[in-house]
Every structure is written in structure tokens, then in C-alpha cells.
Amino acid sequence: MTNAPFHSGELAVQERAGEAAIARRNGSAVSSKVTGGARLFLAQQPMIVLSSLDEESAMWASIVFGRPGFLSSQDGAHLDIDLNRALVDPRDPLWANAGREKRLGSLVIELGSRRRIRINGPAHLEENNHLRIDVEESFPACPKYITRRHVRITSLETAVDDGAPAPGAGLFEAPFATFSNADTMFVATRSDEGGYDVSHRGGLPGFVKVTGPLTIQWPEYPGNSMFNTLGNLVHNPEAGLAIPDFERSRILQLTGSAVTLWDQSDPANKTGGTRRFVEMTVARWQELPLPSNLRAEFLDYSPFNPPVVAP
């Protein structure tokens, strides 16, 4: 396939943005194997972000934490997630979705070094409490806009906080502190061809804004020009967000539909020059506690972050 590794939605966005040639060059890094260096990286990480689809065709982004070593890829053809060494909250939609759906997208990100790798493909929840992803595509991602934090798990003795989840539909009920303080979030999307993806979005606090009773908006900064997320939205508007609030020790998960806003007025350069935003209409959300034995020490913001301007 001459357009590999991109589908029609990604190609359309690359062309519209005038970045198709850059995308082709960067796309050469996409592989069907996890390389040796990346395998060592996986084994050192305490967190993974996963995208999944629920029974109502809604996308969800989920963050799973565990003791380093709970992620591995012995042969490069598979990613193994040992849930016996992970902090699993059964209230996260991921677990019902993974038991029913046979595909996941994943992002393994080391916030402290700004290194990350995406691994997507068919998935299997096995009887020995392992979640296995067959590597269909694996590639490194741009380190820009990542807020550095040192993340560690102190123990696995207490799996999760006992705090009750806070579900909701309207954003007027949601914890606005999470939006105003957010500097890190993850976006789950999918293509018509069945591929699931999850990507990082970051910026200075306030880069995610509530724009209406059911809508939020964030700028799309310059990236690697492959446009995996925006390309998926060409095929399917369904999207999910996971926004960790390390200060409050909570995670906000939202699902709904998203659209790319092109050629917007941006006199304050909030988009870093792209003049693109994504607006998401939220259908449902829930807030869960982060694991009680998770520690996340703030280090610094990315030097590439565009300014955040008050409305």
C-alpha cells in the first residue's frame, strides 16, 4: 500500500495542512515491531494510557499505573500488561471494554524524560490477568508540550483510593479546577479502518477551556505532521479524554464527539501558529481517584508551550 502507514483521514488532514511531505518522512518510523531500545524503555515505566470503545460506541481514554516491570515486550511483536502488578480500578470503563472489544490503542509515556511510544493493535484479556496487545503499529512520538513529572508507585498494597466516583453529563457539574489547572491530557480516537489511537496533549495550565454547557476546546499545536488524532476525527467524531489532576489526586474521564476547527482567528498565537483548535461536545464524564500510593512530583513545563490567554 503506497500510502502506508496512513489511512485516508490522516492523508486528507496532512494535505489540508500542507504537511504531507513531512508526514511521509516521519511515517517511516512506524513499525510492526517494538525495537530493542523501546523494550527496555517499557520495562522501566510505571504508567500506560489506553484507548477503548464501549458498548455504546463511545471512546474512553484510561490511565493505568503499576510497578515498573508490569509492561514488557519480550519478542517485540506483543505488548504484555501484567495486571497482577498494576493498580486496577474496576470502575474505569477500560476493563469492561477490554473484555468485550478486541482492539486497543496505547501510549507509554515517561513524563520525567518526555519520552513516549505509541503501540496499537488487536488486544486480548487473558485468563492469567494479563492484557496483551499484538503490535500492529509502533512508533515514537514528539516530546514537545509534555509537563515533566517524576511519577512513582510507593507500593501495591493499597490498590486504589476508596473515594466514590463522581459521574455526570453536564459540564456545569464537573470539577472546573481540573480544567483550569490542566497541563496534561490524553485523547482517544479511532479510524473507520478499526485502528484505535491515544495521544498526548499538553500545555500551560488553562490551555483546555470550557466554552459552553457541554463543550470544551483546546488548541492543536504544531507536531509531527502525521495527524493521527485529527485524521481519525475525519472518520469518526467519537473521542475520549483522560485529564489527570495530580494536585487533587483525581482523574477526569470524558467521552463525546469532537471536531477540528480550521483557520481560526488567533491574534494571541494560542495555537503556536496553526490556527487550529479541537472542540469537543461532552456526552458523559466521570471523576475517579488516582491511586493513593501514586506520587507525581512536578519538575517543569515544556519550553515549547505557546502562551495561554484568558478569554
Protein backbone atom coordinates (compact mmCIF):
# COMPACT_ATOMS: atom_id res chain seq x y z
CA MET A 1 0.00 0.00 0.00
CA THR A 2 1.70 3.17 -1.19
CA ASN A 3 0.08 5.39 1.45
CA ALA A 4 1.08 3.16 4.36
CA PRO A 5 1.13 3.75 7.26
CA PHE A 6 -1.61 6.38 6.86
CA HIS A 7 -5.33 5.99 6.25
CA SER A 8 -7.47 8.32 4.14
CA GLY A 9 -8.43 10.60 7.04
CA GLU A 10 -4.81 11.21 8.02
CA LEU A 11 -3.83 11.81 4.39
CA ALA A 12 -6.63 14.35 3.97
CA VAL A 13 -5.55 16.32 7.03
CA GLN A 14 -1.88 16.20 6.02
CA GLU A 15 -2.75 17.62 2.62
CA ARG A 16 -5.00 20.33 4.04
CA ALA A 17 -2.29 21.38 6.49
CA GLY A 18 0.34 21.41 3.73
CA GLU A 19 2.50 18.92 5.64
CA ALA A 20 2.18 15.73 3.57
CA ALA A 21 5.89 15.56 2.70
CA ILE A 22 6.92 15.92 6.37
CA ALA A 23 4.37 13.25 7.32
CA ARG A 24 5.81 10.80 4.80
CA ARG A 25 9.29 11.27 6.25
CA ASN A 26 8.12 10.89 9.84
CA GLY A 27 5.90 7.96 8.91
CA SER A 28 8.99 5.90 8.12
CA ALA A 29 9.37 5.44 11.90
CA VAL A 30 6.13 3.44 12.11
CA SER A 31 6.89 -0.26 12.57
CA SER A 32 5.05 -3.50 13.26
CA LYS A 33 7.65 -4.33 15.95
CA VAL A 34 8.78 -2.81 19.22
CA THR A 35 12.51 -2.20 18.88
CA GLY A 36 15.10 -3.40 21.39
CA GLY A 37 15.66 0.03 22.94
CA ALA A 38 11.93 0.59 23.28
CA ARG A 39 11.53 -2.79 25.02
CA LEU A 40 13.93 -1.69 27.73
CA PHE A 41 12.03 1.59 28.00
CA LEU A 42 8.73 -0.25 28.50
CA ALA A 43 10.11 -2.33 31.36
CA GLN A 44 11.05 0.81 33.30
CA GLN A 45 7.69 2.57 33.15
CA PRO A 46 5.02 2.91 35.88
CA MET A 47 2.14 4.02 33.63
CA ILE A 48 0.37 3.38 30.33
CA VAL A 49 -2.54 5.18 28.66
CA LEU A 50 -5.10 3.09 26.77
CA SER A 51 -7.98 3.88 24.41
CA SER A 52 -11.06 1.67 24.24
CA LEU A 53 -14.60 1.60 22.84
CA ASP A 54 -17.67 0.94 24.99
CA GLU A 55 -20.90 -0.84 24.04
CA GLU A 56 -22.48 2.47 23.01
CA SER A 57 -19.58 3.17 20.57
CA ALA A 58 -18.16 5.85 22.86
CA MET A 59 -14.39 6.24 23.12
CA TRP A 60 -12.63 6.32 26.50
CA ALA A 61 -9.07 7.18 27.49
CA SER A 62 -7.74 5.48 30.63
CA ILE A 63 -4.50 5.66 32.60
CA VAL A 64 -3.20 2.50 34.28
CA PHE A 65 -0.38 2.66 36.82
CA GLY A 66 1.76 -0.21 38.03
CA ARG A 67 5.09 -1.26 39.44
CA PRO A 68 7.88 -0.96 36.83
CA GLY A 69 8.06 -4.29 35.06
CA PHE A 70 4.29 -4.58 34.60
CA LEU A 71 4.86 -3.62 30.95
CA SER A 72 7.00 -5.83 28.73
CA SER A 73 7.61 -6.88 25.14
CA GLN A 74 9.80 -9.95 25.04
CA ASP A 75 9.70 -10.51 21.28
CA GLY A 76 8.76 -7.06 20.01
CA ALA A 77 5.60 -8.46 18.42
CA HIS A 78 3.44 -8.13 21.53
CA LEU A 79 2.96 -5.73 24.43
CA ASP A 80 2.18 -7.54 27.67
CA ILE A 81 0.48 -5.70 30.55
CA ASP A 82 0.65 -7.70 33.78
CA LEU A 83 -2.46 -6.59 35.65
CA ASN A 84 -1.32 -8.55 38.71
CA ARG A 85 1.31 -5.82 39.15
CA ALA A 86 -0.99 -2.94 38.21
CA LEU A 87 -3.31 -0.68 40.20
CA VAL A 88 -6.66 -1.58 38.65
CA ASP A 89 -9.80 0.44 39.40
CA PRO A 90 -12.76 -1.71 38.23
CA ARG A 91 -14.89 1.43 37.81
CA ASP A 92 -12.81 2.52 34.82
CA PRO A 93 -14.71 1.69 31.56
CA LEU A 94 -11.49 0.20 30.17
CA TRP A 95 -11.97 -3.15 31.88
CA ALA A 96 -15.47 -3.85 30.55
CA ASN A 97 -14.38 -2.59 27.13
CA ALA A 98 -11.22 -4.72 27.01
CA GLY A 99 -13.21 -7.82 27.91
CA ARG A 100 -15.60 -7.25 25.02
CA GLU A 101 -13.66 -5.40 22.32
CA LYS A 102 -10.65 -6.98 20.63
CA ARG A 103 -8.58 -3.88 19.89
CA LEU A 104 -6.83 -1.17 21.92
CA GLY A 105 -4.61 1.84 21.36
CA SER A 106 -1.83 2.57 23.84
CA LEU A 107 0.67 5.25 24.75
CA VAL A 108 3.57 4.58 27.08
CA ILE A 109 4.89 7.91 28.29
CA GLU A 110 7.67 8.80 30.71
CA LEU A 111 6.69 12.25 31.89
CA GLY A 112 10.04 12.86 33.58
CA SER A 113 12.07 12.47 30.36
CA ARG A 114 9.34 13.39 27.84
CA ARG A 115 9.90 10.09 26.01
CA ARG A 116 6.88 8.25 24.62
CA ILE A 117 5.90 5.43 22.30
CA ARG A 118 2.54 4.51 20.79
CA ILE A 119 1.62 0.84 20.36
CA ASN A 120 -1.70 -0.09 18.74
CA GLY A 121 -3.30 -3.33 17.64
CA PRO A 122 -5.58 -6.29 18.42
CA ALA A 123 -5.92 -6.98 22.14
CA HIS A 124 -6.73 -9.97 24.35
CA LEU A 125 -7.60 -10.06 28.06
CA GLU A 126 -6.13 -13.40 29.11
CA GLU A 127 -7.13 -15.72 31.94
CA ASN A 128 -3.90 -15.14 33.86
CA ASN A 129 -4.86 -11.48 34.30
CA HIS A 130 -2.60 -10.25 31.54
CA LEU A 131 -3.70 -7.82 28.85
CA ARG A 132 -1.87 -8.45 25.59
CA ILE A 133 -1.70 -6.18 22.54
CA ASP A 134 -0.47 -7.64 19.26
CA VAL A 135 1.71 -4.92 17.76
CA GLU A 136 0.16 -3.67 14.54
CA GLU A 137 1.93 -0.33 14.67
CA SER A 138 4.58 1.06 16.99
CA PHE A 139 6.25 4.45 16.76
CA PRO A 140 7.89 7.13 18.91
CA ALA A 141 6.16 10.48 19.30
CA CYS A 142 7.19 14.11 19.54
CA PRO A 143 8.38 15.15 23.05
CA LYS A 144 7.03 18.70 22.82
CA TYR A 145 4.44 20.13 25.23
CA ILE A 146 4.95 17.47 27.93
CA THR A 147 4.96 18.76 31.51
CA ARG A 148 7.78 16.91 33.26
CA ARG A 149 6.85 14.99 36.40
CA HIS A 150 8.62 12.26 38.30
CA VAL A 151 5.97 9.53 38.65
CA ARG A 152 6.40 6.58 41.00
CA ILE A 153 4.37 3.96 42.84
CA THR A 154 5.21 3.60 46.53
CA SER A 155 3.65 0.13 46.89
CA LEU A 156 0.92 -2.14 45.56
CA GLU A 157 -0.60 -2.86 48.95
CA THR A 158 -3.45 -0.38 48.55
CA ALA A 159 -4.78 -0.64 45.02
CA VAL A 160 -6.95 2.48 44.79
CA ASP A 161 -8.46 5.17 46.94
CA ASP A 162 -11.89 4.31 48.32
CA GLY A 163 -13.36 7.63 47.15
CA ALA A 164 -16.60 7.20 45.26
CA PRO A 165 -16.66 8.06 41.55
CA ALA A 166 -18.43 11.26 40.55
CA PRO A 167 -20.35 10.68 37.29
CA GLY A 168 -22.14 13.34 35.28
CA ALA A 169 -23.41 14.55 31.94
CA GLY A 170 -23.44 18.35 32.00
CA LEU A 171 -20.13 20.14 32.41
CA PHE A 172 -21.67 22.55 34.91
CA GLU A 173 -21.41 19.64 37.35
CA ALA A 174 -17.80 18.80 36.51
CA PRO A 175 -14.85 19.89 38.67
CA PHE A 176 -13.78 23.11 36.96
CA ALA A 177 -10.49 23.13 38.90
CA THR A 178 -9.33 20.20 36.78
CA PHE A 179 -9.84 22.17 33.55
CA SER A 180 -8.28 25.39 34.82
CA ASN A 181 -5.22 23.60 36.24
CA ALA A 182 -4.80 21.01 33.47
CA ASP A 183 -1.38 20.85 31.80
CA THR A 184 -1.61 17.21 30.65
CA MET A 185 -4.35 15.19 28.98
CA PHE A 186 -4.81 12.22 26.68
CA VAL A 187 -7.13 11.90 23.67
CA ALA A 188 -8.62 8.60 22.47
CA THR A 189 -9.89 8.31 18.87
CA ARG A 190 -10.46 5.63 16.22
CA SER A 191 -10.48 5.32 12.45
CA ASP A 192 -13.04 3.74 10.11
CA GLU A 193 -10.49 1.01 9.43
CA GLY A 194 -10.68 -0.19 13.02
CA GLY A 195 -7.49 1.29 14.42
CA TYR A 196 -7.61 2.81 17.91
CA ASP A 197 -5.21 5.53 18.98
CA VAL A 198 -4.43 7.56 22.07
CA SER A 199 -2.30 10.69 22.01
CA HIS A 200 -0.94 13.26 24.46
CA ARG A 201 -1.95 16.90 24.58
CA GLY A 202 -0.25 19.34 26.92
CA GLY A 203 0.36 23.00 27.57
CA LEU A 204 0.41 25.62 30.26
CA PRO A 205 -2.43 25.48 32.82
CA GLY A 206 -5.58 26.81 31.19
CA PHE A 207 -4.84 25.51 27.67
CA VAL A 208 -8.07 23.46 27.91
CA LYS A 209 -11.10 25.74 28.16
CA VAL A 210 -14.77 25.18 28.91
CA THR A 211 -16.59 27.03 26.11
CA GLY A 212 -20.22 26.08 26.82
CA PRO A 213 -22.52 23.94 28.99
CA LEU A 214 -21.40 20.81 27.12
CA THR A 215 -18.31 21.93 25.18
CA ILE A 216 -14.59 22.22 25.78
CA GLN A 217 -11.86 23.39 23.43
CA TRP A 218 -8.11 23.08 23.16
CA PRO A 219 -5.50 24.35 20.67
CA GLU A 220 -3.75 21.98 18.27
CA TYR A 221 -0.07 22.92 18.41
CA PRO A 222 2.49 22.03 15.70
CA GLY A 223 3.52 18.37 15.99
CA ASN A 224 4.97 15.54 13.94
CA SER A 225 2.67 16.28 10.95
CA MET A 226 1.22 12.75 10.91
CA PHE A 227 -2.12 13.95 12.35
CA ASN A 228 -3.21 10.61 13.79
CA THR A 229 -5.82 12.20 16.05
CA LEU A 230 -7.21 14.75 13.59
CA GLY A 231 -7.16 12.12 10.84
CA ASN A 232 -9.23 9.77 12.97
CA LEU A 233 -11.74 12.56 13.63
CA VAL A 234 -12.26 12.83 9.86
CA HIS A 235 -13.58 9.25 10.01
CA ASN A 236 -15.26 9.25 13.42
CA PRO A 237 -16.11 12.15 15.73
CA GLU A 238 -16.16 9.92 18.81
CA ALA A 239 -13.41 10.91 21.25
CA GLY A 240 -12.46 10.32 24.85
CA LEU A 241 -10.30 12.37 27.22
CA ALA A 242 -8.40 11.49 30.37
CA ILE A 243 -7.22 14.50 32.38
CA PRO A 244 -5.13 13.65 35.45
CA ASP A 245 -5.23 16.15 38.30
CA PHE A 246 -2.13 15.24 40.27
CA GLU A 247 -2.68 18.03 42.80
CA ARG A 248 -6.16 16.81 43.77
CA SER A 249 -5.24 13.14 43.17
CA ARG A 250 -8.17 12.65 40.77
CA ILE A 251 -8.64 11.76 37.13
CA LEU A 252 -11.40 13.19 34.96
CA GLN A 253 -12.59 11.00 32.06
CA LEU A 254 -14.87 12.43 29.39
CA THR A 255 -16.44 10.96 26.27
CA GLY A 256 -18.29 12.66 23.44
CA SER A 257 -17.77 13.92 19.88
CA ALA A 258 -15.06 16.23 18.59
CA VAL A 259 -14.46 18.36 15.52
CA THR A 260 -11.40 20.18 14.21
CA LEU A 261 -11.81 23.94 13.80
CA TRP A 262 -9.58 25.16 10.96
CA ASP A 263 -8.30 28.63 10.09
CA GLN A 264 -9.46 30.29 13.29
CA SER A 265 -8.64 33.82 14.33
CA ASP A 266 -5.67 33.59 16.71
CA PRO A 267 -4.11 37.02 17.28
CA ALA A 268 -2.57 35.91 20.60
CA ASN A 269 -0.92 32.86 18.94
CA LYS A 270 -2.60 30.42 21.34
CA THR A 271 -2.17 27.63 18.74
CA GLY A 272 1.53 28.19 18.12
CA GLY A 273 0.79 29.31 14.57
CA THR A 274 -1.51 26.52 13.34
CA ARG A 275 -4.79 28.41 13.89
CA ARG A 276 -6.38 25.02 14.62
CA PHE A 277 -8.50 24.07 17.63
CA VAL A 278 -10.46 20.97 18.56
CA GLU A 279 -13.90 21.41 20.10
CA MET A 280 -15.45 18.51 21.96
CA THR A 281 -19.11 18.15 22.90
CA VAL A 282 -19.22 16.06 26.06
CA ALA A 283 -21.86 13.35 26.39
CA ARG A 284 -20.71 11.78 29.68
CA TRP A 285 -17.95 12.16 32.22
CA GLN A 286 -16.77 10.62 35.43
CA GLU A 287 -14.16 11.51 38.02
CA LEU A 288 -12.22 8.76 39.80
CA PRO A 289 -9.48 8.91 42.42
CA LEU A 290 -5.91 8.35 41.36
CA PRO A 291 -4.20 5.51 43.25
CA SER A 292 -3.47 6.51 46.83
CA ASN A 293 0.11 5.26 46.55
CA LEU A 294 0.90 7.26 43.41
CA ARG A 295 3.40 10.10 43.74
CA ALA A 296 3.89 12.65 40.96
CA GLU A 297 6.50 15.36 41.58
CA PHE A 298 6.24 18.40 39.31
CA LEU A 299 9.54 19.28 37.58
CA ASP A 300 8.87 21.88 34.85
CA TYR A 301 6.71 22.92 31.93
CA SER A 302 7.76 22.38 28.33
CA PRO A 303 9.72 25.30 26.87
CA PHE A 304 7.72 24.87 23.64
CA ASN A 305 4.32 25.71 25.19
CA PRO A 306 2.54 28.60 23.47
CA PRO A 307 1.00 31.25 25.75
CA VAL A 308 -2.34 30.79 27.45
CA VAL A 309 -4.50 33.88 27.22
CA ALA A 310 -7.55 34.49 29.40
CA PRO A 311 -10.79 34.78 27.44
